Amino acid sequence: MIYVLGHNYPQTDVDSIISSIVLADMLNQKGRPAKPVIINPNAINQVSIDIIGRIGGLELPELETLEEVINNKIVLVDHNNPLESYGFCLTNKAPGNISTIKMPILCIDHHADSGYPAKVKVIERVGSTCTLLTEILRNDNIRLSDLLVRALVYGIVCDTKGLKSRKTCQRDRKAINYLYNNYKIRVAINKVIEHVLAFTDILSMDIEQILSNSLKEYDNGNIGMASIEVLNDDYMTRLEEIKERAVHTKYPLYILMILKQHKNETLVYYFDRKYHVFPEVERYEGLISRSQDLVPYVLSKTAKKV
């Protein structure tokens, strides 16, 4: 059995979940038994569940133990650093260290290469891992069900912030066009974008949900970086509450990105108790990419203080 893992630690996201589901189906079609799994029971948040629920009929990856996963072949999607999938279990559940984890047989990802080995790597800087899977199924003449193709569209739209993120490229748009031209998606692209953005209602979320939305960790857990999209300025009524709680996260440097869809700009709030190199807030024109814009900038500044 091949287990297909998206990033699990501390959370996963829609692109990662859908990539694991679709790639497992593609491998099964090639006669290689596979299934999508998670190993962190807290990896999938309610926002992701709600968005995937809009797709209709898609089953979420099953929860498996680390021990079960490492006794089988492993494929990584939407990340290439195994700590993003195994970190939860290695830190809190299982003994040993990352060297005890076997090499993945395949890694498909759209983030910067962290240098961890895999037998086969497909790492391209596009807006979404679902874009890469769309290119693979097109080039290999693989046919998917209309449900899985609709899921790919949602994955691309989610990770590119409605095709407005700075990391969105022509390949993402070509992937969307290919899917609509060759399958029955049954939902117009503007409706998909509405469905995705509808679940970012910051007024209906509690503070912990806001602060942990799309949360990722860096610098051995010293940096926590979350992001959330908003459709209007209503979030301002929660801002003081958010800032008051963000000061007390477990991270020496906690960062919250607020992507303002309605104004096509990004606000980045820094809560810096360790490095003391960041302002309280920075504003960027456009919807910036965490992986391609903010992470390199943050890590370059913090590295100088170590």
Protein backbone atom coordinates (compact mmCIF):
# COMPACT_ATOMS: atom_id res chain seq x y z
CA MET A 1 0.00 0.00 0.00
CA ILE A 2 1.12 3.55 -0.77
CA TYR A 3 0.08 6.22 1.71
CA VAL A 4 -0.30 9.72 0.26
CA LEU A 5 0.32 12.47 2.80
CA GLY A 6 -0.28 16.17 2.63
CA HIS A 7 1.30 18.38 5.27
CA ASN A 8 -0.12 17.55 8.70
CA TYR A 9 1.77 19.73 11.13
CA PRO A 10 0.37 21.81 12.62
CA GLN A 11 -2.49 21.91 10.09
CA THR A 12 -3.31 20.91 6.56
CA ASP A 13 -5.27 22.88 3.95
CA VAL A 14 -7.63 22.34 1.03
CA ASP A 15 -4.92 22.13 -1.65
CA SER A 16 -3.05 19.55 0.42
CA ILE A 17 -6.14 17.46 1.18
CA ILE A 18 -7.38 17.43 -2.41
CA SER A 19 -3.91 16.72 -3.79
CA SER A 20 -3.61 13.63 -1.62
CA ILE A 21 -7.06 12.38 -2.64
CA VAL A 22 -6.50 12.95 -6.36
CA LEU A 23 -2.98 11.55 -6.48
CA ALA A 24 -4.08 8.41 -4.66
CA ASP A 25 -6.76 7.93 -7.34
CA MET A 26 -4.21 8.46 -10.11
CA LEU A 27 -1.86 5.90 -8.57
CA ASN A 28 -4.70 3.39 -8.23
CA GLN A 29 -5.47 3.84 -11.91
CA LYS A 30 -1.87 2.90 -12.67
CA GLY A 31 -2.24 -0.32 -10.68
CA ARG A 32 -0.42 0.95 -7.60
CA PRO A 33 -2.74 0.60 -4.57
CA ALA A 34 -2.79 3.90 -2.68
CA LYS A 35 -4.92 5.89 -0.29
CA PRO A 36 -4.82 9.41 1.15
CA VAL A 37 -4.17 9.64 4.88
CA ILE A 38 -3.45 12.05 7.70
CA ILE A 39 -1.52 11.23 10.87
CA ASN A 40 -2.45 14.28 12.95
CA PRO A 41 -6.06 14.05 14.20
CA ASN A 42 -6.19 17.84 14.52
CA ALA A 43 -4.81 18.59 11.04
CA ILE A 44 -8.08 19.37 9.25
CA ASN A 45 -9.83 22.49 10.51
CA GLN A 46 -13.50 23.37 10.15
CA VAL A 47 -12.92 25.86 7.34
CA SER A 48 -11.33 23.15 5.19
CA ILE A 49 -14.14 20.74 6.04
CA ASP A 50 -16.75 23.33 5.05
CA ILE A 51 -15.08 24.16 1.75
CA ILE A 52 -14.64 20.51 0.82
CA GLY A 53 -18.27 19.97 1.76
CA ARG A 54 -19.21 22.41 -1.01
CA ILE A 55 -17.52 20.14 -3.57
CA GLY A 56 -20.01 17.38 -2.79
CA GLY A 57 -19.36 13.72 -2.03
CA LEU A 58 -15.61 13.91 -1.41
CA GLU A 59 -14.34 11.72 1.43
CA LEU A 60 -11.62 13.15 3.64
CA PRO A 61 -8.31 11.29 4.08
CA GLU A 62 -8.37 8.60 6.74
CA LEU A 63 -6.49 8.93 10.02
CA GLU A 64 -3.59 6.48 10.33
CA THR A 65 -0.85 5.99 12.93
CA LEU A 66 2.73 6.94 12.21
CA GLU A 67 3.73 3.32 12.75
CA GLU A 68 1.30 2.14 10.07
CA VAL A 69 2.42 4.79 7.61
CA ILE A 70 6.16 4.17 7.89
CA ASN A 71 5.66 0.45 7.36
CA ASN A 72 4.38 1.22 3.87
CA LYS A 73 5.53 3.28 0.90
CA ILE A 74 5.07 7.02 1.33
CA VAL A 75 4.22 9.83 -1.10
CA LEU A 76 4.27 13.51 -0.07
CA VAL A 77 2.13 16.21 -1.67
CA ASP A 78 2.05 19.98 -1.07
CA HIS A 79 5.21 19.83 1.05
CA ASN A 80 8.68 18.38 0.70
CA ASN A 81 9.97 18.64 4.25
CA PRO A 82 8.87 15.47 6.12
CA LEU A 83 8.74 17.43 9.39
CA GLU A 84 5.56 19.05 8.05
CA SER A 85 3.89 15.63 7.91
CA TYR A 86 5.64 13.69 10.66
CA GLY A 87 6.42 16.52 13.05
CA PHE A 88 3.25 16.02 15.07
CA CYS A 89 3.93 12.36 15.76
CA LEU A 90 7.67 12.73 16.26
CA THR A 91 7.26 15.58 18.69
CA ASN A 92 4.30 14.33 20.69
CA LYS A 93 3.68 10.65 20.03
CA ALA A 94 6.58 8.56 18.81
CA PRO A 95 10.21 8.12 19.86
CA GLY A 96 13.16 8.68 17.59
CA ASN A 97 13.89 11.43 15.10
CA ILE A 98 13.37 12.22 11.46
CA SER A 99 16.19 9.91 10.38
CA THR A 100 13.98 6.96 11.32
CA ILE A 101 11.51 7.88 8.57
CA LYS A 102 11.94 6.14 5.26
CA MET A 103 12.49 8.10 2.07
CA PRO A 104 9.30 9.00 0.17
CA ILE A 105 9.01 7.29 -3.20
CA LEU A 106 7.50 10.46 -4.70
CA CYS A 107 7.10 14.12 -3.74
CA ILE A 108 4.91 16.58 -5.66
CA ASP A 109 5.01 20.13 -4.34
CA HIS A 110 4.92 23.80 -5.32
CA HIS A 111 7.02 25.25 -2.49
CA ALA A 112 10.77 25.86 -2.31
CA ASP A 113 12.82 22.66 -2.13
CA SER A 114 13.93 22.11 1.48
CA GLY A 115 16.57 19.59 0.42
CA TYR A 116 15.07 16.45 1.92
CA PRO A 117 15.50 13.47 -0.42
CA ALA A 118 12.78 11.60 -2.28
CA LYS A 119 13.20 8.95 -4.96
CA VAL A 120 11.28 11.14 -7.42
CA LYS A 121 10.68 14.86 -6.94
CA VAL A 122 8.31 17.09 -8.89
CA ILE A 123 8.76 20.58 -7.43
CA GLU A 124 7.56 23.52 -9.51
CA ARG A 125 6.86 27.06 -8.33
CA VAL A 126 3.22 27.42 -9.31
CA GLY A 127 0.21 28.57 -7.30
CA SER A 128 -1.08 25.18 -6.23
CA THR A 129 -0.13 21.51 -6.04
CA CYS A 130 -3.47 20.81 -7.71
CA THR A 131 -2.11 22.71 -10.73
CA LEU A 132 0.79 20.24 -10.96
CA LEU A 133 -1.57 17.27 -10.72
CA THR A 134 -3.72 18.77 -13.48
CA GLU A 135 -0.64 19.00 -15.70
CA ILE A 136 0.30 15.40 -14.93
CA LEU A 137 -3.15 14.01 -15.73
CA ARG A 138 -3.22 16.04 -18.96
CA ASN A 139 0.24 14.90 -20.07
CA ASP A 140 -0.35 11.26 -19.10
CA ASN A 141 -3.88 11.14 -20.57
CA ILE A 142 -5.39 10.12 -17.25
CA ARG A 143 -9.17 10.54 -16.84
CA LEU A 144 -10.62 11.46 -13.49
CA SER A 145 -14.20 11.48 -12.29
CA ASP A 146 -16.04 14.80 -12.60
CA LEU A 147 -16.05 14.95 -8.79
CA LEU A 148 -12.27 14.78 -8.51
CA VAL A 149 -11.82 17.30 -11.30
CA ARG A 150 -14.18 19.70 -9.56
CA ALA A 151 -12.07 19.15 -6.44
CA LEU A 152 -8.92 20.12 -8.37
CA VAL A 153 -10.58 23.40 -9.35
CA TYR A 154 -11.38 24.13 -5.70
CA GLY A 155 -7.81 23.27 -4.71
CA ILE A 156 -6.33 25.69 -7.23
CA VAL A 157 -8.77 28.46 -6.29
CA CYS A 158 -8.11 28.00 -2.56
CA ASP A 159 -4.33 28.10 -2.74
CA THR A 160 -4.24 31.04 -5.16
CA LYS A 161 -6.72 33.08 -3.08
CA GLY A 162 -9.31 33.14 -5.85
CA LEU A 163 -6.59 33.42 -8.54
CA LYS A 164 -5.51 36.78 -7.04
CA SER A 165 -2.47 35.76 -5.00
CA ARG A 166 0.91 37.00 -6.20
CA LYS A 167 2.03 33.39 -6.64
CA THR A 168 -0.75 32.78 -9.19
CA CYS A 169 0.81 32.17 -12.60
CA GLN A 170 -0.26 31.43 -16.14
CA ARG A 171 0.08 27.69 -15.51
CA ASP A 172 -2.61 27.90 -12.83
CA ARG A 173 -4.99 29.64 -15.24
CA LYS A 174 -4.18 27.14 -18.00
CA ALA A 175 -4.92 24.29 -15.59
CA ILE A 176 -8.32 25.79 -14.76
CA ASN A 177 -9.09 26.25 -18.47
CA TYR A 178 -8.06 22.67 -19.26
CA LEU A 179 -10.34 21.26 -16.57
CA TYR A 180 -13.34 23.32 -17.66
CA ASN A 181 -12.77 22.50 -21.33
CA ASN A 182 -12.43 18.75 -20.83
CA TYR A 183 -14.76 17.89 -17.94
CA LYS A 184 -18.17 18.75 -16.56
CA ILE A 185 -17.32 20.86 -13.54
CA ARG A 186 -20.99 21.89 -13.01
CA VAL A 187 -19.96 24.98 -11.03
CA ALA A 188 -18.86 28.21 -12.72
CA ILE A 189 -15.43 29.48 -11.70
CA ASN A 190 -16.86 32.66 -10.19
CA LYS A 191 -19.14 30.51 -8.01
CA VAL A 192 -16.19 28.38 -6.90
CA ILE A 193 -14.40 31.57 -5.85
CA GLU A 194 -17.51 32.70 -3.95
CA HIS A 195 -17.80 29.32 -2.23
CA VAL A 196 -14.16 29.40 -1.14
CA LEU A 197 -14.22 32.96 0.15
CA ALA A 198 -17.59 32.54 1.89
CA PHE A 199 -15.93 30.56 4.68
CA THR A 200 -13.58 33.31 5.73
CA ASP A 201 -16.19 35.14 7.82
CA ILE A 202 -13.95 36.35 10.62
CA LEU A 203 -16.96 37.57 12.62
CA SER A 204 -18.27 34.03 13.07
CA MET A 205 -14.92 32.57 14.19
CA ASP A 206 -13.58 32.49 17.73
CA ILE A 207 -10.16 33.96 18.42
CA GLU A 208 -8.35 30.63 18.48
CA GLN A 209 -9.81 29.74 15.09
CA ILE A 210 -8.63 33.04 13.67
CA LEU A 211 -5.12 32.77 15.11
CA SER A 212 -4.68 29.17 13.96
CA ASN A 213 -6.21 29.58 10.51
CA SER A 214 -3.85 28.10 7.90
CA LEU A 215 -1.13 28.05 10.56
CA LYS A 216 2.39 26.87 9.70
CA GLU A 217 5.54 26.74 11.81
CA TYR A 218 9.11 27.70 10.93
CA ASP A 219 12.54 27.95 12.56
CA ASN A 220 12.07 24.80 14.66
CA GLY A 221 8.76 26.02 16.03
CA ASN A 222 9.95 29.50 17.01
CA ILE A 223 7.83 31.15 14.33
CA GLY A 224 4.11 30.61 13.82
CA MET A 225 2.56 32.14 10.71
CA ALA A 226 -1.20 32.15 10.09
CA SER A 227 -3.25 33.73 7.33
CA ILE A 228 -6.88 34.56 6.76
CA GLU A 229 -8.81 36.14 3.88
CA VAL A 230 -11.45 38.81 4.47
CA LEU A 231 -14.08 40.21 2.10
CA ASN A 232 -14.68 43.54 3.83
CA ASP A 233 -13.45 45.67 6.73
CA ASP A 234 -15.72 44.06 9.33
CA TYR A 235 -12.66 42.31 10.76
CA MET A 236 -11.67 45.67 12.28
CA THR A 237 -14.28 45.15 14.99
CA ARG A 238 -12.26 42.11 16.13
CA LEU A 239 -8.79 43.55 15.63
CA GLU A 240 -8.05 44.66 19.20
CA GLU A 241 -9.26 41.33 20.54
CA ILE A 242 -7.08 39.51 18.01
CA LYS A 243 -4.02 41.57 18.88
CA GLU A 244 -4.53 41.14 22.61
CA ARG A 245 -4.64 37.34 22.28
CA ALA A 246 -1.90 37.09 19.64
CA VAL A 247 0.63 38.50 22.09
CA HIS A 248 0.20 35.36 24.19
CA THR A 249 0.62 32.57 21.62
CA LYS A 250 3.32 29.99 22.27
CA TYR A 251 5.47 31.40 19.48
CA PRO A 252 8.35 33.82 20.18
CA LEU A 253 7.40 35.30 16.80
CA TYR A 254 3.77 35.02 15.77
CA ILE A 255 2.64 36.49 12.44
CA LEU A 256 -0.90 36.99 11.16
CA MET A 257 -1.51 37.75 7.49
CA ILE A 258 -4.83 39.40 6.68
CA LEU A 259 -5.49 39.16 2.95
CA LYS A 260 -8.03 41.83 2.03
CA GLN A 261 -9.75 40.52 -1.08
CA HIS A 262 -11.94 43.60 -1.48
CA LYS A 263 -8.96 45.99 -1.55
CA ASN A 264 -6.37 43.68 -3.11
CA GLU A 265 -3.89 44.26 -0.32
CA THR A 266 -2.29 42.35 2.54
CA LEU A 267 -1.71 43.44 6.12
CA VAL A 268 0.91 41.53 8.09
CA TYR A 269 0.83 41.83 11.88
CA TYR A 270 3.96 40.85 13.82
CA PHE A 271 4.06 39.82 17.47
CA ASP A 272 7.80 39.64 18.02
CA ARG A 273 9.01 38.63 21.49
CA LYS A 274 12.34 37.19 20.38
CA TYR A 275 13.95 38.80 17.36
CA HIS A 276 12.86 42.45 17.81
CA VAL A 277 13.33 43.28 14.13
CA PHE A 278 9.75 43.66 12.91
CA PRO A 279 7.28 46.54 13.05
CA GLU A 280 3.82 46.02 14.47
CA VAL A 281 2.27 45.88 11.01
CA GLU A 282 3.32 46.06 7.37
CA ARG A 283 1.11 46.69 4.35
CA TYR A 284 1.62 45.16 0.91
CA GLU A 285 -0.13 45.90 -2.34
CA GLY A 286 -1.77 42.77 -3.72
CA LEU A 287 -2.40 39.42 -2.04
CA ILE A 288 1.08 38.23 -1.18
CA SER A 289 2.15 34.61 -0.98
CA ARG A 290 3.25 33.30 2.40
CA SER A 291 5.62 30.71 0.91
CA GLN A 292 7.07 32.83 -1.88
CA ASP A 293 6.96 36.35 -0.44
CA LEU A 294 6.73 36.44 3.34
CA VAL A 295 8.63 33.35 4.54
CA PRO A 296 11.91 34.17 2.71
CA TYR A 297 11.72 37.77 3.98
CA VAL A 298 11.02 36.75 7.59
CA LEU A 299 13.67 34.02 7.72
CA SER A 300 16.31 36.28 6.21
CA LYS A 301 15.67 38.91 8.90
CA THR A 302 15.55 36.46 11.80
CA ALA A 303 18.70 34.66 10.63
CA LYS A 304 20.67 37.85 11.15
CA LYS A 305 19.62 37.93 14.81
CA VAL A 306 20.65 34.35 15.65
